[in-house]
Amino acid sequence: MTSHVEEQIQRRIAEAKRRREQRRLQRAELAEARTYGLQARMAAKMARWVEDDE
């Protein structure tokens, strides 16, 4: 049988793991959005170069 204190500690550890995983997923989503945004900016820049050359 586990004590009340041990149960609280386990609950806090589980919550910390959940928050850590949530932050990791959020960072991955932001990295993906940043990559897409950079590609879109470069494509727009190249399109402007083509327009300027004509």
Protein backbone atom coordinates (compact mmCIF):
# COMPACT_ATOMS: atom_id res chain seq x y z
CA MET A 1 0.00 0.00 0.00
CA THR A 2 1.34 3.42 -0.91
CA SER A 3 1.15 6.39 1.36
CA HIS A 4 -0.69 9.59 0.62
CA VAL A 5 2.64 11.41 0.17
CA GLU A 6 3.90 8.84 -2.33
CA GLU A 7 0.66 9.15 -4.31
CA GLN A 8 1.06 12.94 -4.42
CA ILE A 9 4.64 12.59 -5.60
CA GLN A 10 3.63 10.14 -8.34
CA ARG A 11 0.84 12.50 -9.42
CA ARG A 12 3.27 15.44 -9.61
CA ILE A 13 5.76 13.38 -11.61
CA ALA A 14 3.04 12.32 -14.05
CA GLU A 15 1.89 15.94 -14.43
CA ALA A 16 5.47 17.09 -15.08
CA LYS A 17 5.87 14.41 -17.77
CA ARG A 18 2.60 15.47 -19.38
CA ARG A 19 3.68 19.14 -19.43
CA ARG A 20 7.10 18.21 -20.84
CA GLU A 21 5.49 16.19 -23.65
CA GLN A 22 3.06 19.04 -24.37
CA ARG A 23 5.96 21.51 -24.67
CA ARG A 24 7.84 19.12 -26.96
CA LEU A 25 4.82 18.81 -29.26
CA GLN A 26 4.33 22.57 -29.28
CA ARG A 27 7.98 23.12 -30.21
CA ALA A 28 7.65 20.59 -33.05
CA GLU A 29 4.54 22.35 -34.36
CA LEU A 30 6.24 25.73 -34.23
CA ALA A 31 9.30 24.38 -36.03
CA GLU A 32 7.09 22.98 -38.79
CA ALA A 33 5.22 26.29 -39.13
CA ARG A 34 8.49 28.20 -39.18
CA THR A 35 9.87 25.97 -41.95
CA TYR A 36 6.70 26.41 -44.00
CA GLY A 37 6.80 30.18 -43.43
CA LEU A 38 10.42 30.46 -44.50
CA GLN A 39 9.73 28.47 -47.66
CA ALA A 40 6.73 30.66 -48.46
CA ARG A 41 8.77 33.83 -47.91
CA MET A 42 11.55 32.57 -50.19
CA ALA A 43 9.04 31.63 -52.90
CA ALA A 44 7.45 35.09 -52.71
CA LYS A 45 10.87 36.73 -52.85
CA MET A 46 11.86 34.72 -55.91
CA ALA A 47 8.54 35.59 -57.59
CA ARG A 48 9.26 39.29 -57.01
CA TRP A 49 12.73 38.84 -58.54
CA VAL A 50 11.18 37.29 -61.65
CA GLU A 51 8.67 40.17 -61.90
CA ASP A 52 11.48 42.73 -61.53
CA ASP A 53 13.48 41.10 -64.29
CA GLU A 54 10.60 41.33 -66.78
